[in-house]
Amino acid sequence: MDLRELAVNALAQNKRAALLIGGAGVALLGFGLGYKYLRKPEKVVRVGVVSQLLIHPLKSGKAVSVALAECQKFGLKFGELQDRHWLVVTEDGHMVTGRQEPRLVLVSLTCEGGHVCLNGPNMEQLRFPIKESNNRIINCRVFGDDIQGRDCGEEASCWLTRYLGEEKTFRLVHFEPHMKARRPVESQPIFPQYEVAYPDCGPVMLLSESSIKDLSSKLEKDVTVERFRPNIVISDCEAFEEDSWEEIQIGSVRLQRVMSCGRCIFTTVDPETGVISRKEPLETLKSYRMCKPSEKHIYKSSPLFGQLHTVKKTGILQVGDVVYKISR
């Protein structure tokens, strides 16, 4: 084959390649334009305002009210405080909550200058470093799932054991970023998969002030939002309107509803006294907040109060932020 034939063949091959590439580019452009114009545009409707942001650093412990918080994949964070990242366990690693030890609701865990501060009624404050890399890692059990936690040391263990006044020993563990998280709804394929540290089910729980007022109107004694342990409290909306918000935007944060929050005996613990009644407001909730028959396999006999969300887009939340419902 002479030089002329080589040149002609090369030109022909390049032409075919150019046509193929050009055709693919046109197809992709057409698909992109089609998707853009066929996709339903988002409809944004104002539905409320953020009235409170609450972080519960210690599972079952007191809430810390903040004016501003980071909303991360694992929930709300303010400085070194992260929602439900500390957990009380037995010596064999099983979680301990206010269901078993109601007086845990009176324990305050805060962070200051790289230290954890534990406070409780009739107890001296205990301070210890947040980061204690030499402490052992404990394998814990949270609702039957395995998860790790860094032991917070003997002083914290003695403090909790003395406060709870039990014969058995309690320990405090801390979830660290490198640890394997839990997938709480893995057994339910209808829900999106996401990860959490020590929360029951979801990284963010949302509840409206109107829903609290509606429940209180049916009780002899009013209940407060602290009893239901939400992260985001919404005002300026109707009672239970939050049940219909499948996707919401707050500031730069985008949240996706996962499921309703099924309520248990923990709601009967008074957050002011640490006393469990085992009756109200759970019985009243059961009288009018049960799930549809088709959802019995998910919620069983638990009444529904509040909504659990996963974080689609992280960002900053502030009290006073407007809440927008997103629909298509």
C-alpha atoms as a PDB file:
ATOM      1  CA  MET A   1       0.000   0.000   0.000  1.00  0.00           C
ATOM      2  CA  ASP A   2       1.500   3.321  -1.075  1.00  0.00           C
ATOM      3  CA  LEU A   3       1.502   6.560   0.820  1.00  0.00           C
ATOM      4  CA  ARG A   4      -1.560   7.874  -1.008  1.00  0.00           C
ATOM      5  CA  GLU A   5      -3.725   4.843  -0.098  1.00  0.00           C
ATOM      6  CA  LEU A   6      -2.678   5.087   3.571  1.00  0.00           C
ATOM      7  CA  ALA A   7      -3.717   8.708   3.638  1.00  0.00           C
ATOM      8  CA  VAL A   8      -7.120   7.971   2.056  1.00  0.00           C
ATOM      9  CA  ASN A   9      -7.830   5.117   4.539  1.00  0.00           C
ATOM     10  CA  ALA A  10      -6.839   7.228   7.543  1.00  0.00           C
ATOM     11  CA  LEU A  11      -9.108  10.020   6.357  1.00  0.00           C
ATOM     12  CA  ALA A  12     -12.040   7.628   5.930  1.00  0.00           C
ATOM     13  CA  GLN A  13     -11.581   6.128   9.424  1.00  0.00           C
ATOM     14  CA  ASN A  14     -11.343   9.572  11.012  1.00  0.00           C
ATOM     15  CA  LYS A  15     -14.495  10.630   9.184  1.00  0.00           C
ATOM     16  CA  ARG A  16     -16.424   7.598  10.491  1.00  0.00           C
ATOM     17  CA  ALA A  17     -15.160   8.258  14.042  1.00  0.00           C
ATOM     18  CA  ALA A  18     -16.129  11.892  13.801  1.00  0.00           C
ATOM     19  CA  LEU A  19     -19.630  10.950  12.626  1.00  0.00           C
ATOM     20  CA  LEU A  20     -20.024   8.450  15.483  1.00  0.00           C
ATOM     21  CA  ILE A  21     -18.812  10.933  18.075  1.00  0.00           C
ATOM     22  CA  GLY A  22     -20.957  13.664  16.606  1.00  0.00           C
ATOM     23  CA  GLY A  23     -24.012  11.408  16.596  1.00  0.00           C
ATOM     24  CA  ALA A  24     -23.449  10.409  20.204  1.00  0.00           C
ATOM     25  CA  GLY A  25     -23.043  14.047  21.194  1.00  0.00           C
ATOM     26  CA  VAL A  26     -26.304  15.003  19.480  1.00  0.00           C
ATOM     27  CA  ALA A  27     -28.083  12.083  21.214  1.00  0.00           C
ATOM     28  CA  LEU A  28     -26.760  13.116  24.627  1.00  0.00           C
ATOM     29  CA  LEU A  29     -27.699  16.734  24.001  1.00  0.00           C
ATOM     30  CA  GLY A  30     -31.189  15.656  22.955  1.00  0.00           C
ATOM     31  CA  PHE A  31     -31.556  13.499  26.063  1.00  0.00           C
ATOM     32  CA  GLY A  32     -30.397  16.324  28.297  1.00  0.00           C
ATOM     33  CA  LEU A  33     -32.787  18.833  26.725  1.00  0.00           C
ATOM     34  CA  GLY A  34     -35.615  16.307  26.833  1.00  0.00           C
ATOM     35  CA  TYR A  35     -34.982  15.587  30.515  1.00  0.00           C
ATOM     36  CA  LYS A  36     -34.866  19.286  31.258  1.00  0.00           C
ATOM     37  CA  TYR A  37     -38.201  20.018  29.614  1.00  0.00           C
ATOM     38  CA  LEU A  38     -40.023  16.767  30.415  1.00  0.00           C
ATOM     39  CA  ARG A  39     -39.050  16.724  34.100  1.00  0.00           C
ATOM     40  CA  LYS A  40     -41.717  18.282  36.290  1.00  0.00           C
ATOM     41  CA  PRO A  41     -40.512  21.577  37.771  1.00  0.00           C
ATOM     42  CA  GLU A  42     -40.329  21.868  41.539  1.00  0.00           C
ATOM     43  CA  LYS A  43     -43.193  23.589  43.278  1.00  0.00           C
ATOM     44  CA  VAL A  44     -42.086  25.448  46.419  1.00  0.00           C
ATOM     45  CA  VAL A  45     -44.672  26.372  49.067  1.00  0.00           C
ATOM     46  CA  ARG A  46     -44.040  28.076  52.403  1.00  0.00           C
ATOM     47  CA  VAL A  47     -45.409  25.833  55.189  1.00  0.00           C
ATOM     48  CA  GLY A  48     -43.884  27.060  58.445  1.00  0.00           C
ATOM     49  CA  VAL A  49     -41.023  28.567  60.425  1.00  0.00           C
ATOM     50  CA  VAL A  50     -38.309  26.932  62.561  1.00  0.00           C
ATOM     51  CA  SER A  51     -39.068  27.871  66.183  1.00  0.00           C
ATOM     52  CA  GLN A  52     -36.568  25.595  67.979  1.00  0.00           C
ATOM     53  CA  LEU A  53     -33.458  23.546  67.206  1.00  0.00           C
ATOM     54  CA  LEU A  54     -32.686  20.831  69.753  1.00  0.00           C
ATOM     55  CA  ILE A  55     -29.615  18.617  70.017  1.00  0.00           C
ATOM     56  CA  HIS A  56     -29.656  15.560  72.291  1.00  0.00           C
ATOM     57  CA  PRO A  57     -25.943  14.723  72.661  1.00  0.00           C
ATOM     58  CA  LEU A  58     -26.635  11.895  75.142  1.00  0.00           C
ATOM     59  CA  LYS A  59     -29.275   9.416  74.038  1.00  0.00           C
ATOM     60  CA  SER A  60     -32.192   9.869  76.507  1.00  0.00           C
ATOM     61  CA  GLY A  61     -30.407  12.838  78.124  1.00  0.00           C
ATOM     62  CA  LYS A  62     -31.439  16.495  78.259  1.00  0.00           C
ATOM     63  CA  ALA A  63     -31.753  18.516  75.069  1.00  0.00           C
ATOM     64  CA  VAL A  64     -29.466  21.442  74.282  1.00  0.00           C
ATOM     65  CA  SER A  65     -31.361  24.292  72.623  1.00  0.00           C
ATOM     66  CA  VAL A  66     -29.342  26.160  69.977  1.00  0.00           C
ATOM     67  CA  ALA A  67     -30.085  29.091  67.678  1.00  0.00           C
ATOM     68  CA  LEU A  68     -27.986  27.682  64.839  1.00  0.00           C
ATOM     69  CA  ALA A  69     -26.780  24.195  63.914  1.00  0.00           C
ATOM     70  CA  GLU A  70     -25.049  22.308  61.150  1.00  0.00           C
ATOM     71  CA  CYS A  71     -27.327  19.715  59.595  1.00  0.00           C
ATOM     72  CA  GLN A  72     -25.068  16.823  58.619  1.00  0.00           C
ATOM     73  CA  LYS A  73     -25.850  13.350  57.280  1.00  0.00           C
ATOM     74  CA  PHE A  74     -25.843  12.025  60.854  1.00  0.00           C
ATOM     75  CA  GLY A  75     -28.078  14.810  62.174  1.00  0.00           C
ATOM     76  CA  LEU A  76     -27.616  18.124  63.949  1.00  0.00           C
ATOM     77  CA  LYS A  77     -24.246  19.349  65.176  1.00  0.00           C
ATOM     78  CA  PHE A  78     -23.182  22.424  67.112  1.00  0.00           C
ATOM     79  CA  GLY A  79     -19.470  22.733  67.796  1.00  0.00           C
ATOM     80  CA  GLU A  80     -18.431  19.461  69.428  1.00  0.00           C
ATOM     81  CA  LEU A  81     -22.009  18.506  70.283  1.00  0.00           C
ATOM     82  CA  GLN A  82     -23.566  15.984  67.922  1.00  0.00           C
ATOM     83  CA  ASP A  83     -27.047  14.596  68.228  1.00  0.00           C
ATOM     84  CA  ARG A  84     -27.189  11.199  69.948  1.00  0.00           C
ATOM     85  CA  HIS A  85     -23.451  10.519  69.686  1.00  0.00           C
ATOM     86  CA  TRP A  86     -23.071   9.487  73.367  1.00  0.00           C
ATOM     87  CA  LEU A  87     -24.770   6.409  74.775  1.00  0.00           C
ATOM     88  CA  VAL A  88     -25.129   4.706  78.161  1.00  0.00           C
ATOM     89  CA  VAL A  89     -24.552   0.943  77.994  1.00  0.00           C
ATOM     90  CA  THR A  90     -24.357  -1.995  80.375  1.00  0.00           C
ATOM     91  CA  GLU A  91     -21.022  -3.724  80.893  1.00  0.00           C
ATOM     92  CA  ASP A  92     -21.851  -6.198  78.134  1.00  0.00           C
ATOM     93  CA  GLY A  93     -22.567  -3.338  75.702  1.00  0.00           C
ATOM     94  CA  HIS A  94     -26.384  -3.268  75.588  1.00  0.00           C
ATOM     95  CA  MET A  95     -27.888   0.215  75.295  1.00  0.00           C
ATOM     96  CA  VAL A  96     -29.623   1.825  78.261  1.00  0.00           C
ATOM     97  CA  THR A  97     -32.294   4.475  77.609  1.00  0.00           C
ATOM     98  CA  GLY A  98     -35.011   6.318  79.494  1.00  0.00           C
ATOM     99  CA  ARG A  99     -37.280   3.349  78.937  1.00  0.00           C
ATOM    100  CA  GLN A 100     -35.236   1.355  81.461  1.00  0.00           C
ATOM    101  CA  GLU A 101     -33.758   4.271  83.443  1.00  0.00           C
ATOM    102  CA  PRO A 102     -36.198   7.230  83.376  1.00  0.00           C
ATOM    103  CA  ARG A 103     -33.868   9.484  85.415  1.00  0.00           C
ATOM    104  CA  LEU A 104     -31.509   9.644  82.434  1.00  0.00           C
ATOM    105  CA  VAL A 105     -33.728  12.437  81.073  1.00  0.00           C
ATOM    106  CA  LEU A 106     -32.354  14.690  83.838  1.00  0.00           C
ATOM    107  CA  VAL A 107     -28.711  14.155  82.834  1.00  0.00           C
ATOM    108  CA  SER A 108     -27.103  16.971  80.888  1.00  0.00           C
ATOM    109  CA  LEU A 109     -24.127  16.353  78.590  1.00  0.00           C
ATOM    110  CA  THR A 110     -22.397  19.408  77.155  1.00  0.00           C
ATOM    111  CA  CYS A 111     -18.979  20.119  75.645  1.00  0.00           C
ATOM    112  CA  GLU A 112     -16.612  22.907  76.622  1.00  0.00           C
ATOM    113  CA  GLY A 113     -12.993  23.484  75.631  1.00  0.00           C
ATOM    114  CA  GLY A 114     -12.392  19.949  74.381  1.00  0.00           C
ATOM    115  CA  HIS A 115     -14.039  18.409  77.456  1.00  0.00           C
ATOM    116  CA  VAL A 116     -17.340  16.664  78.098  1.00  0.00           C
ATOM    117  CA  CYS A 117     -19.325  17.985  81.077  1.00  0.00           C
ATOM    118  CA  LEU A 118     -21.795  15.658  82.805  1.00  0.00           C
ATOM    119  CA  ASN A 119     -24.372  17.133  85.183  1.00  0.00           C
ATOM    120  CA  GLY A 120     -27.295  15.618  87.084  1.00  0.00           C
ATOM    121  CA  PRO A 121     -29.456  16.286  90.165  1.00  0.00           C
ATOM    122  CA  ASN A 122     -27.482  16.032  93.432  1.00  0.00           C
ATOM    123  CA  MET A 123     -24.306  15.164  91.493  1.00  0.00           C
ATOM    124  CA  GLU A 124     -21.042  17.065  91.174  1.00  0.00           C
ATOM    125  CA  GLN A 125     -20.137  18.002  87.631  1.00  0.00           C
ATOM    126  CA  LEU A 126     -17.766  15.578  85.913  1.00  0.00           C
ATOM    127  CA  ARG A 127     -15.357  16.797  83.226  1.00  0.00           C
ATOM    128  CA  PHE A 128     -13.264  14.570  80.989  1.00  0.00           C
ATOM    129  CA  PRO A 129     -11.620  14.931  77.543  1.00  0.00           C
ATOM    130  CA  ILE A 130     -13.801  14.346  74.474  1.00  0.00           C
ATOM    131  CA  LYS A 131     -10.965  12.596  72.657  1.00  0.00           C
ATOM    132  CA  GLU A 132      -9.459   9.710  74.588  1.00  0.00           C
ATOM    133  CA  SER A 133      -7.831   7.613  71.868  1.00  0.00           C
ATOM    134  CA  ASN A 134      -6.203   5.262  74.381  1.00  0.00           C
ATOM    135  CA  ASN A 135      -9.576   4.129  75.719  1.00  0.00           C
ATOM    136  CA  ARG A 136     -10.922   0.835  74.413  1.00  0.00           C
ATOM    137  CA  ILE A 137     -13.603   0.558  71.761  1.00  0.00           C
ATOM    138  CA  ILE A 138     -16.720  -1.316  72.924  1.00  0.00           C
ATOM    139  CA  ASN A 139     -19.031  -3.357  70.704  1.00  0.00           C
ATOM    140  CA  CYS A 140     -22.554  -2.166  71.502  1.00  0.00           C
ATOM    141  CA  ARG A 141     -26.077  -3.361  70.720  1.00  0.00           C
ATOM    142  CA  VAL A 142     -28.706  -0.784  69.749  1.00  0.00           C
ATOM    143  CA  PHE A 143     -32.117  -2.270  68.926  1.00  0.00           C
ATOM    144  CA  GLY A 144     -30.458  -5.531  67.964  1.00  0.00           C
ATOM    145  CA  ASP A 145     -27.920  -3.863  65.657  1.00  0.00           C
ATOM    146  CA  ASP A 146     -24.173  -3.886  66.223  1.00  0.00           C
ATOM    147  CA  ILE A 147     -22.347  -0.579  66.536  1.00  0.00           C
ATOM    148  CA  GLN A 148     -19.145   0.596  68.174  1.00  0.00           C
ATOM    149  CA  GLY A 149     -18.437   3.216  70.820  1.00  0.00           C
ATOM    150  CA  ARG A 150     -15.306   4.587  72.481  1.00  0.00           C
ATOM    151  CA  ASP A 151     -15.423   3.992  76.234  1.00  0.00           C
ATOM    152  CA  CYS A 152     -15.382   7.329  78.069  1.00  0.00           C
ATOM    153  CA  GLY A 153     -13.447   5.943  81.043  1.00  0.00           C
ATOM    154  CA  GLU A 154     -13.829   4.800  84.635  1.00  0.00           C
ATOM    155  CA  GLU A 155     -14.779   8.193  86.083  1.00  0.00           C
ATOM    156  CA  ALA A 156     -17.740   8.515  83.727  1.00  0.00           C
ATOM    157  CA  SER A 157     -18.753   4.929  84.495  1.00  0.00           C
ATOM    158  CA  CYS A 158     -18.632   5.534  88.270  1.00  0.00           C
ATOM    159  CA  TRP A 159     -20.563   8.808  87.889  1.00  0.00           C
ATOM    160  CA  LEU A 160     -23.409   7.149  85.961  1.00  0.00           C
ATOM    161  CA  THR A 161     -23.495   4.079  88.204  1.00  0.00           C
ATOM    162  CA  ARG A 162     -23.691   6.286  91.294  1.00  0.00           C
ATOM    163  CA  TYR A 163     -26.356   8.543  89.754  1.00  0.00           C
ATOM    164  CA  LEU A 164     -28.614   5.715  88.587  1.00  0.00           C
ATOM    165  CA  GLY A 165     -28.214   3.990  91.943  1.00  0.00           C
ATOM    166  CA  GLU A 166     -28.180   0.480  90.577  1.00  0.00           C
ATOM    167  CA  GLU A 167     -26.227  -2.576  91.605  1.00  0.00           C
ATOM    168  CA  LYS A 168     -25.078  -3.101  88.015  1.00  0.00           C
ATOM    169  CA  THR A 169     -22.360  -1.043  86.358  1.00  0.00           C
ATOM    170  CA  PHE A 170     -23.067   1.442  83.574  1.00  0.00           C
ATOM    171  CA  ARG A 171     -20.620   2.829  81.030  1.00  0.00           C
ATOM    172  CA  LEU A 172     -20.644   5.817  78.687  1.00  0.00           C
ATOM    173  CA  VAL A 173     -19.538   5.444  75.055  1.00  0.00           C
ATOM    174  CA  HIS A 174     -18.940   7.965  72.277  1.00  0.00           C
ATOM    175  CA  PHE A 175     -19.471   7.396  68.549  1.00  0.00           C
ATOM    176  CA  GLU A 176     -16.518   8.598  66.449  1.00  0.00           C
ATOM    177  CA  PRO A 177     -16.509   9.471  62.721  1.00  0.00           C
ATOM    178  CA  HIS A 178     -14.393   6.475  61.657  1.00  0.00           C
ATOM    179  CA  MET A 179     -16.739   3.951  63.286  1.00  0.00           C
ATOM    180  CA  LYS A 180     -19.213   1.853  61.320  1.00  0.00           C
ATOM    181  CA  ALA A 181     -22.704   3.352  61.525  1.00  0.00           C
ATOM    182  CA  ARG A 182     -26.103   1.618  61.710  1.00  0.00           C
ATOM    183  CA  ARG A 183     -28.723   1.191  58.984  1.00  0.00           C
ATOM    184  CA  PRO A 184     -31.895   1.270  61.096  1.00  0.00           C
ATOM    185  CA  VAL A 185     -34.452   0.464  58.360  1.00  0.00           C
ATOM    186  CA  GLU A 186     -32.435  -2.076  56.399  1.00  0.00           C
ATOM    187  CA  SER A 187     -35.186  -4.674  56.870  1.00  0.00           C
ATOM    188  CA  GLN A 188     -37.738  -2.359  55.218  1.00  0.00           C
ATOM    189  CA  PRO A 189     -36.968  -2.141  51.465  1.00  0.00           C
ATOM    190  CA  ILE A 190     -39.657   0.512  50.953  1.00  0.00           C
ATOM    191  CA  PHE A 191     -37.546   3.068  52.815  1.00  0.00           C
ATOM    192  CA  PRO A 192     -34.391   4.766  51.496  1.00  0.00           C
ATOM    193  CA  GLN A 193     -31.228   3.450  53.110  1.00  0.00           C
ATOM    194  CA  TYR A 194     -29.297   5.812  55.355  1.00  0.00           C
ATOM    195  CA  GLU A 195     -26.995   5.613  58.367  1.00  0.00           C
ATOM    196  CA  VAL A 196     -27.170   6.853  61.958  1.00  0.00           C
ATOM    197  CA  ALA A 197     -25.128   6.656  65.158  1.00  0.00           C
ATOM    198  CA  TYR A 198     -27.298   6.033  68.261  1.00  0.00           C
ATOM    199  CA  PRO A 199     -30.758   7.464  67.329  1.00  0.00           C
ATOM    200  CA  ASP A 200     -33.671   5.034  67.260  1.00  0.00           C
ATOM    201  CA  CYS A 201     -34.528   5.367  63.574  1.00  0.00           C
ATOM    202  CA  GLY A 202     -33.693   8.616  61.798  1.00  0.00           C
ATOM    203  CA  PRO A 203     -31.006  11.305  61.803  1.00  0.00           C
ATOM    204  CA  VAL A 204     -33.506  14.189  62.031  1.00  0.00           C
ATOM    205  CA  MET A 205     -36.880  14.249  63.779  1.00  0.00           C
ATOM    206  CA  LEU A 206     -39.331  17.047  63.099  1.00  0.00           C
ATOM    207  CA  LEU A 207     -42.491  18.037  64.993  1.00  0.00           C
ATOM    208  CA  SER A 208     -44.810  21.040  64.929  1.00  0.00           C
ATOM    209  CA  GLU A 209     -45.923  23.199  67.847  1.00  0.00           C
ATOM    210  CA  SER A 210     -49.529  22.834  66.679  1.00  0.00           C
ATOM    211  CA  SER A 211     -49.357  19.052  66.980  1.00  0.00           C
ATOM    212  CA  ILE A 212     -48.156  19.422  70.584  1.00  0.00           C
ATOM    213  CA  LYS A 213     -51.025  21.824  71.324  1.00  0.00           C
ATOM    214  CA  ASP A 214     -53.532  19.476  69.723  1.00  0.00           C
ATOM    215  CA  LEU A 215     -52.380  16.616  71.961  1.00  0.00           C
ATOM    216  CA  SER A 216     -52.320  18.836  75.076  1.00  0.00           C
ATOM    217  CA  SER A 217     -55.926  19.864  74.437  1.00  0.00           C
ATOM    218  CA  LYS A 218     -56.920  16.220  74.942  1.00  0.00           C
ATOM    219  CA  LEU A 219     -54.975  15.745  78.198  1.00  0.00           C
ATOM    220  CA  GLU A 220     -55.585  16.833  81.787  1.00  0.00           C
ATOM    221  CA  LYS A 221     -52.068  18.266  81.932  1.00  0.00           C
ATOM    222  CA  ASP A 222     -50.248  19.951  79.042  1.00  0.00           C
ATOM    223  CA  VAL A 223     -47.166  18.292  77.592  1.00  0.00           C
ATOM    224  CA  THR A 224     -44.096  20.078  76.244  1.00  0.00           C
ATOM    225  CA  VAL A 225     -42.003  19.445  73.179  1.00  0.00           C
ATOM    226  CA  GLU A 226     -39.123  18.106  75.337  1.00  0.00           C
ATOM    227  CA  ARG A 227     -41.140  14.951  76.038  1.00  0.00           C
ATOM    228  CA  PHE A 228     -40.990  13.969  72.354  1.00  0.00           C
ATOM    229  CA  ARG A 229     -37.322  14.779  71.725  1.00  0.00           C
ATOM    230  CA  PRO A 230     -37.460  16.332  68.219  1.00  0.00           C
ATOM    231  CA  ASN A 231     -34.527  18.075  66.552  1.00  0.00           C
ATOM    232  CA  ILE A 232     -36.536  20.661  64.620  1.00  0.00           C
ATOM    233  CA  VAL A 233     -39.696  22.291  65.959  1.00  0.00           C
ATOM    234  CA  ILE A 234     -41.935  24.099  63.466  1.00  0.00           C
ATOM    235  CA  SER A 235     -44.395  26.925  64.124  1.00  0.00           C
ATOM    236  CA  ASP A 236     -46.910  28.706  61.911  1.00  0.00           C
ATOM    237  CA  CYS A 237     -48.575  25.566  60.533  1.00  0.00           C
ATOM    238  CA  GLU A 238     -51.641  23.429  61.263  1.00  0.00           C
ATOM    239  CA  ALA A 239     -51.575  20.416  63.585  1.00  0.00           C
ATOM    240  CA  PHE A 240     -50.084  17.330  61.890  1.00  0.00           C
ATOM    241  CA  GLU A 241     -49.469  19.249  58.666  1.00  0.00           C
ATOM    242  CA  GLU A 242     -45.892  17.940  58.875  1.00  0.00           C
ATOM    243  CA  ASP A 243     -47.221  14.451  58.085  1.00  0.00           C
ATOM    244  CA  SER A 244     -47.653  15.501  54.445  1.00  0.00           C
ATOM    245  CA  TRP A 245     -44.219  17.059  53.874  1.00  0.00           C
ATOM    246  CA  GLU A 246     -42.381  14.457  51.822  1.00  0.00           C
ATOM    247  CA  GLU A 247     -39.525  16.838  51.000  1.00  0.00           C
ATOM    248  CA  ILE A 248     -38.687  20.178  52.585  1.00  0.00           C
ATOM    249  CA  GLN A 249     -36.149  22.962  52.209  1.00  0.00           C
ATOM    250  CA  ILE A 250     -34.919  24.956  55.205  1.00  0.00           C
ATOM    251  CA  GLY A 251     -32.207  27.467  54.361  1.00  0.00           C
ATOM    252  CA  SER A 252     -29.627  25.519  52.377  1.00  0.00           C
ATOM    253  CA  VAL A 253     -30.739  22.182  53.895  1.00  0.00           C
ATOM    254  CA  ARG A 254     -32.898  19.669  52.006  1.00  0.00           C
ATOM    255  CA  LEU A 255     -34.673  16.972  54.040  1.00  0.00           C
ATOM    256  CA  GLN A 256     -36.497  13.885  52.783  1.00  0.00           C
ATOM    257  CA  ARG A 257     -39.225  12.257  54.878  1.00  0.00           C
ATOM    258  CA  VAL A 258     -38.547   8.600  55.652  1.00  0.00           C
ATOM    259  CA  MET A 259     -41.353   7.571  57.980  1.00  0.00           C
ATOM    260  CA  SER A 260     -43.536   8.671  60.863  1.00  0.00           C
ATOM    261  CA  CYS A 261     -42.145   8.411  64.385  1.00  0.00           C
ATOM    262  CA  GLY A 262     -43.816   5.512  66.181  1.00  0.00           C
ATOM    263  CA  ARG A 263     -44.128   6.331  69.885  1.00  0.00           C
ATOM    264  CA  CYS A 264     -43.413   4.088  72.867  1.00  0.00           C
ATOM    265  CA  ILE A 265     -43.447   4.009  76.673  1.00  0.00           C
ATOM    266  CA  PHE A 266     -40.638   6.614  76.755  1.00  0.00           C
ATOM    267  CA  THR A 267     -43.227   9.345  76.057  1.00  0.00           C
ATOM    268  CA  THR A 268     -44.669   8.693  79.534  1.00  0.00           C
ATOM    269  CA  VAL A 269     -41.449   9.873  81.232  1.00  0.00           C
ATOM    270  CA  ASP A 270     -41.855  13.406  82.570  1.00  0.00           C
ATOM    271  CA  PRO A 271     -38.811  15.404  81.347  1.00  0.00           C
ATOM    272  CA  GLU A 272     -39.029  17.675  84.402  1.00  0.00           C
ATOM    273  CA  THR A 273     -39.065  14.968  87.085  1.00  0.00           C
ATOM    274  CA  GLY A 274     -37.673  11.833  85.460  1.00  0.00           C
ATOM    275  CA  VAL A 275     -40.734   9.872  86.658  1.00  0.00           C
ATOM    276  CA  ILE A 276     -42.404   7.337  84.344  1.00  0.00           C
ATOM    277  CA  SER A 277     -46.210   6.967  84.477  1.00  0.00           C
ATOM    278  CA  ARG A 278     -46.555   4.263  81.800  1.00  0.00           C
ATOM    279  CA  LYS A 279     -49.884   5.801  80.811  1.00  0.00           C
ATOM    280  CA  GLU A 280     -50.140   9.321  79.389  1.00  0.00           C
ATOM    281  CA  PRO A 281     -49.779  10.780  76.834  1.00  0.00           C
ATOM    282  CA  LEU A 282     -49.309   7.390  75.129  1.00  0.00           C
ATOM    283  CA  GLU A 283     -52.868   6.174  75.737  1.00  0.00           C
ATOM    284  CA  THR A 284     -54.365   9.369  74.336  1.00  0.00           C
ATOM    285  CA  LEU A 285     -52.114   9.211  71.285  1.00  0.00           C
ATOM    286  CA  LYS A 286     -53.295   5.641  70.689  1.00  0.00           C
ATOM    287  CA  SER A 287     -56.888   6.884  70.653  1.00  0.00           C
ATOM    288  CA  TYR A 288     -56.424   9.001  67.529  1.00  0.00           C
ATOM    289  CA  ARG A 289     -52.938   8.689  66.020  1.00  0.00           C
ATOM    290  CA  MET A 290     -52.694   5.072  64.876  1.00  0.00           C
ATOM    291  CA  CYS A 291     -51.385   4.090  61.438  1.00  0.00           C
ATOM    292  CA  LYS A 292     -53.396   2.857  58.464  1.00  0.00           C
ATOM    293  CA  PRO A 293     -54.127  -0.897  58.463  1.00  0.00           C
ATOM    294  CA  SER A 294     -51.763  -1.262  55.469  1.00  0.00           C
ATOM    295  CA  GLU A 295     -48.869   0.072  57.591  1.00  0.00           C
ATOM    296  CA  LYS A 296     -49.370  -2.225  60.600  1.00  0.00           C
ATOM    297  CA  HIS A 297     -46.339  -4.307  59.615  1.00  0.00           C
ATOM    298  CA  ILE A 298     -44.180  -1.182  60.004  1.00  0.00           C
ATOM    299  CA  TYR A 299     -45.575   0.598  63.065  1.00  0.00           C
ATOM    300  CA  LYS A 300     -47.422  -2.284  64.789  1.00  0.00           C
ATOM    301  CA  SER A 301     -49.266  -0.839  67.830  1.00  0.00           C
ATOM    302  CA  SER A 302     -47.270   2.406  68.098  1.00  0.00           C
ATOM    303  CA  PRO A 303     -49.121   5.717  67.658  1.00  0.00           C
ATOM    304  CA  LEU A 304     -47.523   8.194  65.257  1.00  0.00           C
ATOM    305  CA  PHE A 305     -46.279  11.600  66.384  1.00  0.00           C
ATOM    306  CA  GLY A 306     -43.608  13.544  64.473  1.00  0.00           C
ATOM    307  CA  GLN A 307     -41.744  12.738  61.267  1.00  0.00           C
ATOM    308  CA  LEU A 308     -38.311  11.225  60.687  1.00  0.00           C
ATOM    309  CA  HIS A 309     -36.192  12.677  57.905  1.00  0.00           C
ATOM    310  CA  THR A 310     -32.960  11.854  56.162  1.00  0.00           C
ATOM    311  CA  VAL A 311     -30.632  14.615  54.940  1.00  0.00           C
ATOM    312  CA  LYS A 312     -30.513  15.020  51.151  1.00  0.00           C
ATOM    313  CA  LYS A 313     -28.425  18.196  51.268  1.00  0.00           C
ATOM    314  CA  THR A 314     -26.369  19.312  54.255  1.00  0.00           C
ATOM    315  CA  GLY A 315     -26.058  22.910  55.408  1.00  0.00           C
ATOM    316  CA  ILE A 316     -26.856  25.375  58.182  1.00  0.00           C
ATOM    317  CA  LEU A 317     -30.176  25.625  60.032  1.00  0.00           C
ATOM    318  CA  GLN A 318     -31.237  28.642  62.087  1.00  0.00           C
ATOM    319  CA  VAL A 319     -34.176  29.455  64.320  1.00  0.00           C
ATOM    320  CA  GLY A 320     -36.416  31.727  62.260  1.00  0.00           C
ATOM    321  CA  ASP A 321     -35.705  29.968  58.955  1.00  0.00           C
ATOM    322  CA  VAL A 322     -38.726  29.556  56.707  1.00  0.00           C
ATOM    323  CA  VAL A 323     -39.731  25.979  55.899  1.00  0.00           C
ATOM    324  CA  TYR A 324     -40.703  25.206  52.301  1.00  0.00           C
ATOM    325  CA  LYS A 325     -42.529  22.126  51.094  1.00  0.00           C
ATOM    326  CA  ILE A 326     -41.117  20.787  47.812  1.00  0.00           C
ATOM    327  CA  SER A 327     -43.411  18.987  45.367  1.00  0.00           C
ATOM    328  CA  ARG A 328     -43.274  18.123  41.669  1.00  0.00           C
END
